[in-house]
Amino acid sequence: MTGIAETAAHAAEAASRAAGVRVRDLTDLPDLDAVYRLYDDIWRPDPTNPPVTTELLRALTKGGNHVAGAYDGTTLVGASVAFFGPPADRVMHSHVTGVAPTSLGRDVGFALKLHQRAWALRRGVTAITWTFDPLVSRNAYFNLAKLGGAVAEYLPDFYGGMRDAINGGDATDRLLVRWDLAAPEVEAACAGSPARPDAERAGAAVVALGRDERGAPVPGSTDGGTVLVAVPPDVTALRRTDPGLARRWRVAVREVLSPLVAEGPRATGFDRAGWYVISRGERWS
């Protein structure tokens, strides 16, 4: 594991330089309070239900868990929080990673995740899991294409109601991602060469869920070796402009994607055009 950990550390350093940030572990109370305030600015949650509190972060770090921040100069522009799972599993769960809106598009999130990977490998962790909203296309691309993560489970309404500026009171369906830290596809992704499945080049793929000219979901067929599942281009904006249509997308994606994930297909990727590309019995190369 030592060689992989060293390679991961070099990849993390390179990602931080490319993003123009410095990523470091956080344990001091003022730094942890800055993480709390950053997340509050990003999600603008119900005041009674913040993503984390300063006190919780303090307890997590005292217990040896992972809190890291990305700094542009002296300004905190991103942070990530993770905690350990069952000891025998050698796994961590990444609870939340967020980047300030003013720093989006700079690969700050990529730098944070690569720092998290290197941190975990140094401690004997072999995998990190986390959840994301399957309707958010940019996160699907980041998690499955850019990082090389694998879909492990579909979780309907996992958190219950979350009234904040991003979730908008929608059902909190999530996909559970498993990031096998030493897997060849993950090493390649962290080195800047991720697999990029392309819906337009997916051969004899069938469309299990498409979009019509008005941007509404259109059910299709799942009877094929490679299956495509569409999501809306920007579900966060859609929740503001047409919440009814956003809810239709939630139900449509759940009805199609949940049983596909339950089958355990070996390759699930996401292309920039807004499609899950699911290939049964294959791995991306």
C-alpha atoms as a PDB file:
ATOM      1  CA  MET A   1       0.000   0.000   0.000  1.00  0.00           C
ATOM      2  CA  THR A   2       2.990   2.303   0.609  1.00  0.00           C
ATOM      3  CA  GLY A   3       3.759   2.768  -3.089  1.00  0.00           C
ATOM      4  CA  ILE A   4       0.125   3.505  -3.911  1.00  0.00           C
ATOM      5  CA  ALA A   5      -0.070   5.964  -1.013  1.00  0.00           C
ATOM      6  CA  GLU A   6       2.997   7.831  -2.265  1.00  0.00           C
ATOM      7  CA  THR A   7       1.612   7.974  -5.803  1.00  0.00           C
ATOM      8  CA  ALA A   8      -1.715   9.188  -4.434  1.00  0.00           C
ATOM      9  CA  ALA A   9       0.042  11.939  -2.451  1.00  0.00           C
ATOM     10  CA  HIS A  10       1.850  13.141  -5.587  1.00  0.00           C
ATOM     11  CA  ALA A  11      -1.419  13.126  -7.546  1.00  0.00           C
ATOM     12  CA  ALA A  12      -3.111  15.113  -4.773  1.00  0.00           C
ATOM     13  CA  GLU A  13      -0.332  17.705  -4.763  1.00  0.00           C
ATOM     14  CA  ALA A  14      -0.562  18.050  -8.549  1.00  0.00           C
ATOM     15  CA  ALA A  15      -4.342  18.492  -8.387  1.00  0.00           C
ATOM     16  CA  SER A  16      -4.010  21.193  -5.727  1.00  0.00           C
ATOM     17  CA  ARG A  17      -1.464  23.099  -7.812  1.00  0.00           C
ATOM     18  CA  ALA A  18      -3.657  22.862 -10.903  1.00  0.00           C
ATOM     19  CA  ALA A  19      -6.649  24.203  -8.962  1.00  0.00           C
ATOM     20  CA  GLY A  20      -4.606  27.010  -7.457  1.00  0.00           C
ATOM     21  CA  VAL A  21      -5.351  25.996  -3.876  1.00  0.00           C
ATOM     22  CA  ARG A  22      -3.610  24.580  -0.836  1.00  0.00           C
ATOM     23  CA  VAL A  23      -5.430  21.646   0.769  1.00  0.00           C
ATOM     24  CA  ARG A  24      -4.705  20.824   4.402  1.00  0.00           C
ATOM     25  CA  ASP A  25      -6.192  18.874   7.282  1.00  0.00           C
ATOM     26  CA  LEU A  26      -8.248  20.944   9.731  1.00  0.00           C
ATOM     27  CA  THR A  27      -8.477  20.408  13.494  1.00  0.00           C
ATOM     28  CA  ASP A  28      -8.398  23.870  15.102  1.00  0.00           C
ATOM     29  CA  LEU A  29     -11.694  25.323  16.248  1.00  0.00           C
ATOM     30  CA  PRO A  30     -11.570  28.516  14.103  1.00  0.00           C
ATOM     31  CA  ASP A  31     -10.894  26.433  10.986  1.00  0.00           C
ATOM     32  CA  LEU A  32     -13.772  24.081  11.785  1.00  0.00           C
ATOM     33  CA  ASP A  33     -16.087  27.033  12.339  1.00  0.00           C
ATOM     34  CA  ALA A  34     -15.050  28.339   8.915  1.00  0.00           C
ATOM     35  CA  VAL A  35     -16.112  24.988   7.394  1.00  0.00           C
ATOM     36  CA  TYR A  36     -19.503  25.275   9.091  1.00  0.00           C
ATOM     37  CA  ARG A  37     -19.957  28.810   7.724  1.00  0.00           C
ATOM     38  CA  LEU A  38     -18.819  27.789   4.228  1.00  0.00           C
ATOM     39  CA  TYR A  39     -21.362  24.961   4.083  1.00  0.00           C
ATOM     40  CA  ASP A  40     -24.064  27.305   5.375  1.00  0.00           C
ATOM     41  CA  ASP A  41     -23.278  29.717   2.528  1.00  0.00           C
ATOM     42  CA  ILE A  42     -23.352  26.914  -0.073  1.00  0.00           C
ATOM     43  CA  TRP A  43     -26.522  25.080   0.956  1.00  0.00           C
ATOM     44  CA  ARG A  44     -28.445  27.825   2.825  1.00  0.00           C
ATOM     45  CA  PRO A  45     -30.237  25.152   4.849  1.00  0.00           C
ATOM     46  CA  ASP A  46     -33.094  25.285   7.281  1.00  0.00           C
ATOM     47  CA  PRO A  47     -31.362  26.865  10.329  1.00  0.00           C
ATOM     48  CA  THR A  48     -32.507  23.941  12.472  1.00  0.00           C
ATOM     49  CA  ASN A  49     -30.798  21.367  10.208  1.00  0.00           C
ATOM     50  CA  PRO A  50     -27.331  22.449   8.980  1.00  0.00           C
ATOM     51  CA  PRO A  51     -25.152  19.936   7.062  1.00  0.00           C
ATOM     52  CA  VAL A  52     -22.688  19.941   9.972  1.00  0.00           C
ATOM     53  CA  THR A  53     -22.060  21.947  13.125  1.00  0.00           C
ATOM     54  CA  THR A  54     -18.770  23.195  14.497  1.00  0.00           C
ATOM     55  CA  GLU A  55     -19.253  20.979  17.537  1.00  0.00           C
ATOM     56  CA  LEU A  56     -19.749  17.866  15.403  1.00  0.00           C
ATOM     57  CA  LEU A  57     -16.648  18.656  13.348  1.00  0.00           C
ATOM     58  CA  ARG A  58     -14.674  19.092  16.537  1.00  0.00           C
ATOM     59  CA  ALA A  59     -15.808  15.682  17.783  1.00  0.00           C
ATOM     60  CA  LEU A  60     -15.080  13.998  14.441  1.00  0.00           C
ATOM     61  CA  THR A  61     -11.533  15.317  14.249  1.00  0.00           C
ATOM     62  CA  LYS A  62     -10.866  14.417  17.885  1.00  0.00           C
ATOM     63  CA  GLY A  63     -11.926  10.870  16.989  1.00  0.00           C
ATOM     64  CA  GLY A  64      -9.338  10.765  14.193  1.00  0.00           C
ATOM     65  CA  ASN A  65     -11.706  11.354  11.281  1.00  0.00           C
ATOM     66  CA  HIS A  66     -11.124  13.443   8.174  1.00  0.00           C
ATOM     67  CA  VAL A  67     -11.834  17.167   7.769  1.00  0.00           C
ATOM     68  CA  ALA A  68      -9.880  19.021   5.101  1.00  0.00           C
ATOM     69  CA  GLY A  69     -10.069  22.492   3.615  1.00  0.00           C
ATOM     70  CA  ALA A  70      -8.954  24.030   0.332  1.00  0.00           C
ATOM     71  CA  TYR A  71      -7.531  27.541   0.615  1.00  0.00           C
ATOM     72  CA  ASP A  72      -7.036  30.210  -2.020  1.00  0.00           C
ATOM     73  CA  GLY A  73      -4.531  32.316  -0.134  1.00  0.00           C
ATOM     74  CA  THR A  74      -6.116  32.703   3.288  1.00  0.00           C
ATOM     75  CA  THR A  75      -9.698  32.163   2.071  1.00  0.00           C
ATOM     76  CA  LEU A  76     -11.409  28.809   2.604  1.00  0.00           C
ATOM     77  CA  VAL A  77     -13.030  27.926  -0.748  1.00  0.00           C
ATOM     78  CA  GLY A  78     -13.847  24.248  -0.247  1.00  0.00           C
ATOM     79  CA  ALA A  79     -14.003  21.562   2.418  1.00  0.00           C
ATOM     80  CA  SER A  80     -14.589  17.854   2.838  1.00  0.00           C
ATOM     81  CA  VAL A  81     -15.722  15.788   5.837  1.00  0.00           C
ATOM     82  CA  ALA A  82     -15.471  11.989   6.158  1.00  0.00           C
ATOM     83  CA  PHE A  83     -15.634   9.433   8.929  1.00  0.00           C
ATOM     84  CA  PHE A  84     -14.539   5.823   9.348  1.00  0.00           C
ATOM     85  CA  GLY A  85     -16.833   2.839   8.800  1.00  0.00           C
ATOM     86  CA  PRO A  86     -16.582  -0.604  10.442  1.00  0.00           C
ATOM     87  CA  PRO A  87     -12.884  -1.252  11.229  1.00  0.00           C
ATOM     88  CA  ALA A  88     -12.789  -4.646   9.522  1.00  0.00           C
ATOM     89  CA  ASP A  89     -14.076  -3.115   6.279  1.00  0.00           C
ATOM     90  CA  ARG A  90     -11.197  -0.593   6.006  1.00  0.00           C
ATOM     91  CA  VAL A  91     -13.621   1.924   4.546  1.00  0.00           C
ATOM     92  CA  MET A  92     -14.482   5.591   5.066  1.00  0.00           C
ATOM     93  CA  HIS A  93     -17.732   7.398   4.309  1.00  0.00           C
ATOM     94  CA  SER A  94     -17.384  10.882   2.860  1.00  0.00           C
ATOM     95  CA  HIS A  95     -20.352  12.757   4.301  1.00  0.00           C
ATOM     96  CA  VAL A  96     -20.082  16.119   2.563  1.00  0.00           C
ATOM     97  CA  THR A  97     -17.810  17.992   0.158  1.00  0.00           C
ATOM     98  CA  GLY A  98     -18.596  21.534  -0.892  1.00  0.00           C
ATOM     99  CA  VAL A  99     -16.964  24.291  -2.922  1.00  0.00           C
ATOM    100  CA  ALA A 100     -17.800  27.991  -2.736  1.00  0.00           C
ATOM    101  CA  PRO A 101     -19.830  29.162  -5.775  1.00  0.00           C
ATOM    102  CA  THR A 102     -17.099  31.692  -6.611  1.00  0.00           C
ATOM    103  CA  SER A 103     -14.564  28.871  -6.982  1.00  0.00           C
ATOM    104  CA  LEU A 104     -16.585  26.437  -9.101  1.00  0.00           C
ATOM    105  CA  GLY A 105     -15.022  25.331 -12.382  1.00  0.00           C
ATOM    106  CA  ARG A 106     -11.460  25.312 -11.015  1.00  0.00           C
ATOM    107  CA  ASP A 107     -11.308  21.618 -10.012  1.00  0.00           C
ATOM    108  CA  VAL A 108     -11.195  22.501  -6.306  1.00  0.00           C
ATOM    109  CA  GLY A 109     -13.485  19.535  -5.598  1.00  0.00           C
ATOM    110  CA  PHE A 110     -11.102  17.252  -7.497  1.00  0.00           C
ATOM    111  CA  ALA A 111      -8.191  18.498  -5.380  1.00  0.00           C
ATOM    112  CA  LEU A 112     -10.172  17.862  -2.181  1.00  0.00           C
ATOM    113  CA  LYS A 113     -11.088  14.311  -3.197  1.00  0.00           C
ATOM    114  CA  LEU A 114      -7.531  13.442  -4.193  1.00  0.00           C
ATOM    115  CA  HIS A 115      -6.298  14.795  -0.852  1.00  0.00           C
ATOM    116  CA  GLN A 116      -8.932  12.649   0.860  1.00  0.00           C
ATOM    117  CA  ARG A 117      -7.805   9.576  -1.099  1.00  0.00           C
ATOM    118  CA  ALA A 118      -4.154  10.081  -0.136  1.00  0.00           C
ATOM    119  CA  TRP A 119      -5.120  10.671   3.508  1.00  0.00           C
ATOM    120  CA  ALA A 120      -7.176   7.473   3.567  1.00  0.00           C
ATOM    121  CA  LEU A 121      -4.518   5.306   1.910  1.00  0.00           C
ATOM    122  CA  ARG A 122      -1.919   6.408   4.453  1.00  0.00           C
ATOM    123  CA  ARG A 123      -4.250   5.035   7.146  1.00  0.00           C
ATOM    124  CA  GLY A 124      -4.879   1.661   5.522  1.00  0.00           C
ATOM    125  CA  VAL A 125      -8.295   2.515   4.099  1.00  0.00           C
ATOM    126  CA  THR A 126      -9.030   0.740   0.811  1.00  0.00           C
ATOM    127  CA  ALA A 127     -12.354   2.345  -0.205  1.00  0.00           C
ATOM    128  CA  ILE A 128     -14.381   5.510   0.326  1.00  0.00           C
ATOM    129  CA  THR A 129     -18.133   5.695  -0.141  1.00  0.00           C
ATOM    130  CA  TRP A 130     -20.427   8.686  -0.486  1.00  0.00           C
ATOM    131  CA  THR A 131     -23.840   9.577  -1.838  1.00  0.00           C
ATOM    132  CA  PHE A 132     -25.022  12.033  -4.470  1.00  0.00           C
ATOM    133  CA  ASP A 133     -28.313  13.041  -6.057  1.00  0.00           C
ATOM    134  CA  PRO A 134     -28.674  11.036  -9.299  1.00  0.00           C
ATOM    135  CA  LEU A 135     -30.505  13.974 -10.921  1.00  0.00           C
ATOM    136  CA  VAL A 136     -27.533  16.349 -10.605  1.00  0.00           C
ATOM    137  CA  SER A 137     -25.652  15.781 -13.851  1.00  0.00           C
ATOM    138  CA  ARG A 138     -22.475  17.675 -12.939  1.00  0.00           C
ATOM    139  CA  ASN A 139     -22.046  15.561  -9.797  1.00  0.00           C
ATOM    140  CA  ALA A 140     -22.753  12.335 -11.687  1.00  0.00           C
ATOM    141  CA  TYR A 141     -20.058  13.209 -14.218  1.00  0.00           C
ATOM    142  CA  PHE A 142     -17.597  14.197 -11.485  1.00  0.00           C
ATOM    143  CA  ASN A 143     -18.137  11.074  -9.377  1.00  0.00           C
ATOM    144  CA  LEU A 144     -18.399   8.420 -12.092  1.00  0.00           C
ATOM    145  CA  ALA A 145     -16.259   9.819 -14.917  1.00  0.00           C
ATOM    146  CA  LYS A 146     -13.687  12.212 -13.445  1.00  0.00           C
ATOM    147  CA  LEU A 147     -13.028  10.215 -10.253  1.00  0.00           C
ATOM    148  CA  GLY A 148     -13.700   6.706 -11.566  1.00  0.00           C
ATOM    149  CA  GLY A 149     -16.207   5.837  -8.846  1.00  0.00           C
ATOM    150  CA  ALA A 150     -18.597   2.882  -9.120  1.00  0.00           C
ATOM    151  CA  VAL A 151     -22.327   2.891  -8.387  1.00  0.00           C
ATOM    152  CA  ALA A 152     -23.055   0.521  -5.506  1.00  0.00           C
ATOM    153  CA  GLU A 153     -26.680   1.174  -4.526  1.00  0.00           C
ATOM    154  CA  TYR A 154     -29.775   3.267  -5.253  1.00  0.00           C
ATOM    155  CA  LEU A 155     -31.183   4.786  -2.035  1.00  0.00           C
ATOM    156  CA  PRO A 156     -34.729   6.234  -2.295  1.00  0.00           C
ATOM    157  CA  ASP A 157     -35.406   9.336  -0.161  1.00  0.00           C
ATOM    158  CA  PHE A 158     -32.270   8.564   1.823  1.00  0.00           C
ATOM    159  CA  TYR A 159     -32.208  11.693   4.007  1.00  0.00           C
ATOM    160  CA  GLY A 160     -35.918  12.401   4.133  1.00  0.00           C
ATOM    161  CA  GLY A 161     -36.914  16.046   3.709  1.00  0.00           C
ATOM    162  CA  MET A 162     -34.051  18.531   3.237  1.00  0.00           C
ATOM    163  CA  ARG A 163     -35.288  22.068   2.722  1.00  0.00           C
ATOM    164  CA  ASP A 164     -32.340  24.055   1.460  1.00  0.00           C
ATOM    165  CA  ALA A 165     -31.376  26.120  -1.569  1.00  0.00           C
ATOM    166  CA  ILE A 166     -30.087  23.081  -3.484  1.00  0.00           C
ATOM    167  CA  ASN A 167     -32.519  20.245  -2.668  1.00  0.00           C
ATOM    168  CA  GLY A 168     -35.574  22.504  -2.606  1.00  0.00           C
ATOM    169  CA  GLY A 169     -37.714  20.092  -0.592  1.00  0.00           C
ATOM    170  CA  ASP A 170     -37.488  17.353  -3.253  1.00  0.00           C
ATOM    171  CA  ALA A 171     -37.277  13.681  -2.228  1.00  0.00           C
ATOM    172  CA  THR A 172     -33.654  12.934  -1.355  1.00  0.00           C
ATOM    173  CA  ASP A 173     -32.944   9.911  -3.554  1.00  0.00           C
ATOM    174  CA  ARG A 174     -29.243   9.167  -3.659  1.00  0.00           C
ATOM    175  CA  LEU A 175     -26.783   6.934  -5.455  1.00  0.00           C
ATOM    176  CA  LEU A 176     -24.138   5.362  -3.235  1.00  0.00           C
ATOM    177  CA  VAL A 177     -20.700   5.535  -4.847  1.00  0.00           C
ATOM    178  CA  ARG A 178     -17.863   3.219  -3.895  1.00  0.00           C
ATOM    179  CA  TRP A 179     -14.384   4.522  -4.674  1.00  0.00           C
ATOM    180  CA  ASP A 180     -11.912   1.639  -4.613  1.00  0.00           C
ATOM    181  CA  LEU A 181      -8.780   3.649  -3.957  1.00  0.00           C
ATOM    182  CA  ALA A 182      -6.250   1.288  -5.542  1.00  0.00           C
ATOM    183  CA  ALA A 183      -8.364   0.183  -8.532  1.00  0.00           C
ATOM    184  CA  PRO A 184      -6.663   0.731 -11.909  1.00  0.00           C
ATOM    185  CA  GLU A 185      -9.519   2.897 -13.188  1.00  0.00           C
ATOM    186  CA  VAL A 186      -9.306   5.095 -10.094  1.00  0.00           C
ATOM    187  CA  GLU A 187      -5.526   5.420 -10.374  1.00  0.00           C
ATOM    188  CA  ALA A 188      -5.926   6.406 -14.022  1.00  0.00           C
ATOM    189  CA  ALA A 189      -8.638   8.948 -13.207  1.00  0.00           C
ATOM    190  CA  CYS A 190      -6.552  10.512 -10.447  1.00  0.00           C
ATOM    191  CA  ALA A 191      -3.645  10.768 -12.887  1.00  0.00           C
ATOM    192  CA  GLY A 192      -5.857  12.719 -15.277  1.00  0.00           C
ATOM    193  CA  SER A 193      -6.879   9.908 -17.647  1.00  0.00           C
ATOM    194  CA  PRO A 194     -10.416   8.872 -16.668  1.00  0.00           C
ATOM    195  CA  ALA A 195     -12.636   6.560 -18.688  1.00  0.00           C
ATOM    196  CA  ARG A 196     -15.235   8.605 -20.533  1.00  0.00           C
ATOM    197  CA  PRO A 197     -18.214   6.571 -21.751  1.00  0.00           C
ATOM    198  CA  ASP A 198     -19.984   8.327 -24.610  1.00  0.00           C
ATOM    199  CA  ALA A 199     -23.727   7.855 -25.108  1.00  0.00           C
ATOM    200  CA  GLU A 200     -23.450   8.735 -28.795  1.00  0.00           C
ATOM    201  CA  ARG A 201     -20.836   6.001 -29.353  1.00  0.00           C
ATOM    202  CA  ALA A 202     -22.497   3.367 -27.222  1.00  0.00           C
ATOM    203  CA  GLY A 203     -23.252   1.159 -30.227  1.00  0.00           C
ATOM    204  CA  ALA A 204     -26.509  -0.749 -29.940  1.00  0.00           C
ATOM    205  CA  ALA A 205     -27.519   1.034 -26.749  1.00  0.00           C
ATOM    206  CA  VAL A 206     -31.184   1.292 -25.857  1.00  0.00           C
ATOM    207  CA  VAL A 207     -32.726   4.380 -24.275  1.00  0.00           C
ATOM    208  CA  ALA A 208     -34.353   3.433 -21.001  1.00  0.00           C
ATOM    209  CA  LEU A 209     -35.247   7.044 -20.220  1.00  0.00           C
ATOM    210  CA  GLY A 210     -35.035   9.892 -22.674  1.00  0.00           C
ATOM    211  CA  ARG A 211     -36.151  13.524 -22.965  1.00  0.00           C
ATOM    212  CA  ASP A 212     -38.768  15.059 -25.204  1.00  0.00           C
ATOM    213  CA  GLU A 213     -38.552  18.463 -26.905  1.00  0.00           C
ATOM    214  CA  ARG A 214     -40.010  20.144 -23.798  1.00  0.00           C
ATOM    215  CA  GLY A 215     -37.405  18.596 -21.511  1.00  0.00           C
ATOM    216  CA  ALA A 216     -39.774  16.076 -19.918  1.00  0.00           C
ATOM    217  CA  PRO A 217     -38.782  12.455 -19.191  1.00  0.00           C
ATOM    218  CA  VAL A 218     -39.815   9.796 -21.716  1.00  0.00           C
ATOM    219  CA  PRO A 219     -39.659   6.129 -20.607  1.00  0.00           C
ATOM    220  CA  GLY A 220     -38.189   3.644 -23.087  1.00  0.00           C
ATOM    221  CA  SER A 221     -36.757   0.126 -22.878  1.00  0.00           C
ATOM    222  CA  THR A 222     -34.182  -1.520 -20.632  1.00  0.00           C
ATOM    223  CA  ASP A 223     -33.863  -4.574 -22.866  1.00  0.00           C
ATOM    224  CA  GLY A 224     -30.264  -4.259 -24.023  1.00  0.00           C
ATOM    225  CA  GLY A 225     -26.657  -4.839 -23.103  1.00  0.00           C
ATOM    226  CA  THR A 226     -25.985  -1.099 -22.881  1.00  0.00           C
ATOM    227  CA  VAL A 227     -28.680   1.155 -21.459  1.00  0.00           C
ATOM    228  CA  LEU A 228     -28.917   4.950 -21.441  1.00  0.00           C
ATOM    229  CA  VAL A 229     -30.730   6.925 -18.737  1.00  0.00           C
ATOM    230  CA  ALA A 230     -31.172  10.684 -19.153  1.00  0.00           C
ATOM    231  CA  VAL A 231     -31.383  13.315 -16.440  1.00  0.00           C
ATOM    232  CA  PRO A 232     -32.359  17.003 -16.748  1.00  0.00           C
ATOM    233  CA  PRO A 233     -29.524  19.398 -17.656  1.00  0.00           C
ATOM    234  CA  ASP A 234     -29.892  21.490 -14.475  1.00  0.00           C
ATOM    235  CA  VAL A 235     -32.265  20.050 -11.904  1.00  0.00           C
ATOM    236  CA  THR A 236     -31.420  22.735  -9.318  1.00  0.00           C
ATOM    237  CA  ALA A 237     -32.707  25.442 -11.647  1.00  0.00           C
ATOM    238  CA  LEU A 238     -35.648  23.257 -12.670  1.00  0.00           C
ATOM    239  CA  ARG A 239     -36.754  22.955  -9.040  1.00  0.00           C
ATOM    240  CA  ARG A 240     -37.124  26.739  -8.991  1.00  0.00           C
ATOM    241  CA  THR A 241     -38.759  27.225 -12.388  1.00  0.00           C
ATOM    242  CA  ASP A 242     -40.931  24.077 -12.664  1.00  0.00           C
ATOM    243  CA  PRO A 243     -41.003  22.045  -9.438  1.00  0.00           C
ATOM    244  CA  GLY A 244     -43.691  19.751 -10.833  1.00  0.00           C
ATOM    245  CA  LEU A 245     -41.480  18.726 -13.742  1.00  0.00           C
ATOM    246  CA  ALA A 246     -38.537  18.255 -11.366  1.00  0.00           C
ATOM    247  CA  ARG A 247     -40.661  15.843  -9.325  1.00  0.00           C
ATOM    248  CA  ARG A 248     -41.611  13.954 -12.511  1.00  0.00           C
ATOM    249  CA  TRP A 249     -37.919  13.514 -13.240  1.00  0.00           C
ATOM    250  CA  ARG A 250     -37.314  12.231  -9.725  1.00  0.00           C
ATOM    251  CA  VAL A 251     -39.956   9.519 -10.092  1.00  0.00           C
ATOM    252  CA  ALA A 252     -38.960   8.613 -13.646  1.00  0.00           C
ATOM    253  CA  VAL A 253     -35.255   8.228 -12.849  1.00  0.00           C
ATOM    254  CA  ARG A 254     -36.037   6.243  -9.696  1.00  0.00           C
ATOM    255  CA  GLU A 255     -38.303   3.828 -11.568  1.00  0.00           C
ATOM    256  CA  VAL A 256     -35.696   3.164 -14.262  1.00  0.00           C
ATOM    257  CA  LEU A 257     -32.332   3.509 -12.523  1.00  0.00           C
ATOM    258  CA  SER A 258     -33.113   1.776  -9.243  1.00  0.00           C
ATOM    259  CA  PRO A 259     -33.811  -1.671 -10.747  1.00  0.00           C
ATOM    260  CA  LEU A 260     -30.845  -1.327 -13.123  1.00  0.00           C
ATOM    261  CA  VAL A 261     -28.509  -0.632 -10.220  1.00  0.00           C
ATOM    262  CA  ALA A 262     -30.025  -3.522  -8.256  1.00  0.00           C
ATOM    263  CA  GLU A 263     -28.970  -5.870 -11.084  1.00  0.00           C
ATOM    264  CA  GLY A 264     -25.353  -5.039 -10.280  1.00  0.00           C
ATOM    265  CA  PRO A 265     -24.092  -3.971 -13.730  1.00  0.00           C
ATOM    266  CA  ARG A 266     -20.307  -3.814 -13.678  1.00  0.00           C
ATOM    267  CA  ALA A 267     -19.960  -0.531 -15.577  1.00  0.00           C
ATOM    268  CA  THR A 268     -21.967   2.585 -14.945  1.00  0.00           C
ATOM    269  CA  GLY A 269     -20.571   5.822 -16.350  1.00  0.00           C
ATOM    270  CA  PHE A 270     -21.898   9.256 -17.163  1.00  0.00           C
ATOM    271  CA  ASP A 271     -21.262  11.359 -20.226  1.00  0.00           C
ATOM    272  CA  ARG A 272     -21.235  15.151 -20.500  1.00  0.00           C
ATOM    273  CA  ALA A 273     -24.451  15.179 -22.536  1.00  0.00           C
ATOM    274  CA  GLY A 274     -26.407  14.125 -19.444  1.00  0.00           C
ATOM    275  CA  TRP A 275     -26.772  10.335 -19.761  1.00  0.00           C
ATOM    276  CA  TYR A 276     -25.970   7.444 -17.485  1.00  0.00           C
ATOM    277  CA  VAL A 277     -24.322   4.778 -19.654  1.00  0.00           C
ATOM    278  CA  ILE A 278     -24.866   1.350 -18.090  1.00  0.00           C
ATOM    279  CA  SER A 279     -23.138  -1.653 -19.632  1.00  0.00           C
ATOM    280  CA  ARG A 280     -24.023  -5.056 -18.287  1.00  0.00           C
ATOM    281  CA  GLY A 281     -21.086  -7.396 -17.747  1.00  0.00           C
ATOM    282  CA  GLU A 282     -18.360  -4.930 -18.704  1.00  0.00           C
ATOM    283  CA  ARG A 283     -15.763  -2.603 -17.217  1.00  0.00           C
ATOM    284  CA  TRP A 284     -14.716   0.721 -18.665  1.00  0.00           C
ATOM    285  CA  SER A 285     -11.147   0.612 -19.911  1.00  0.00           C
END
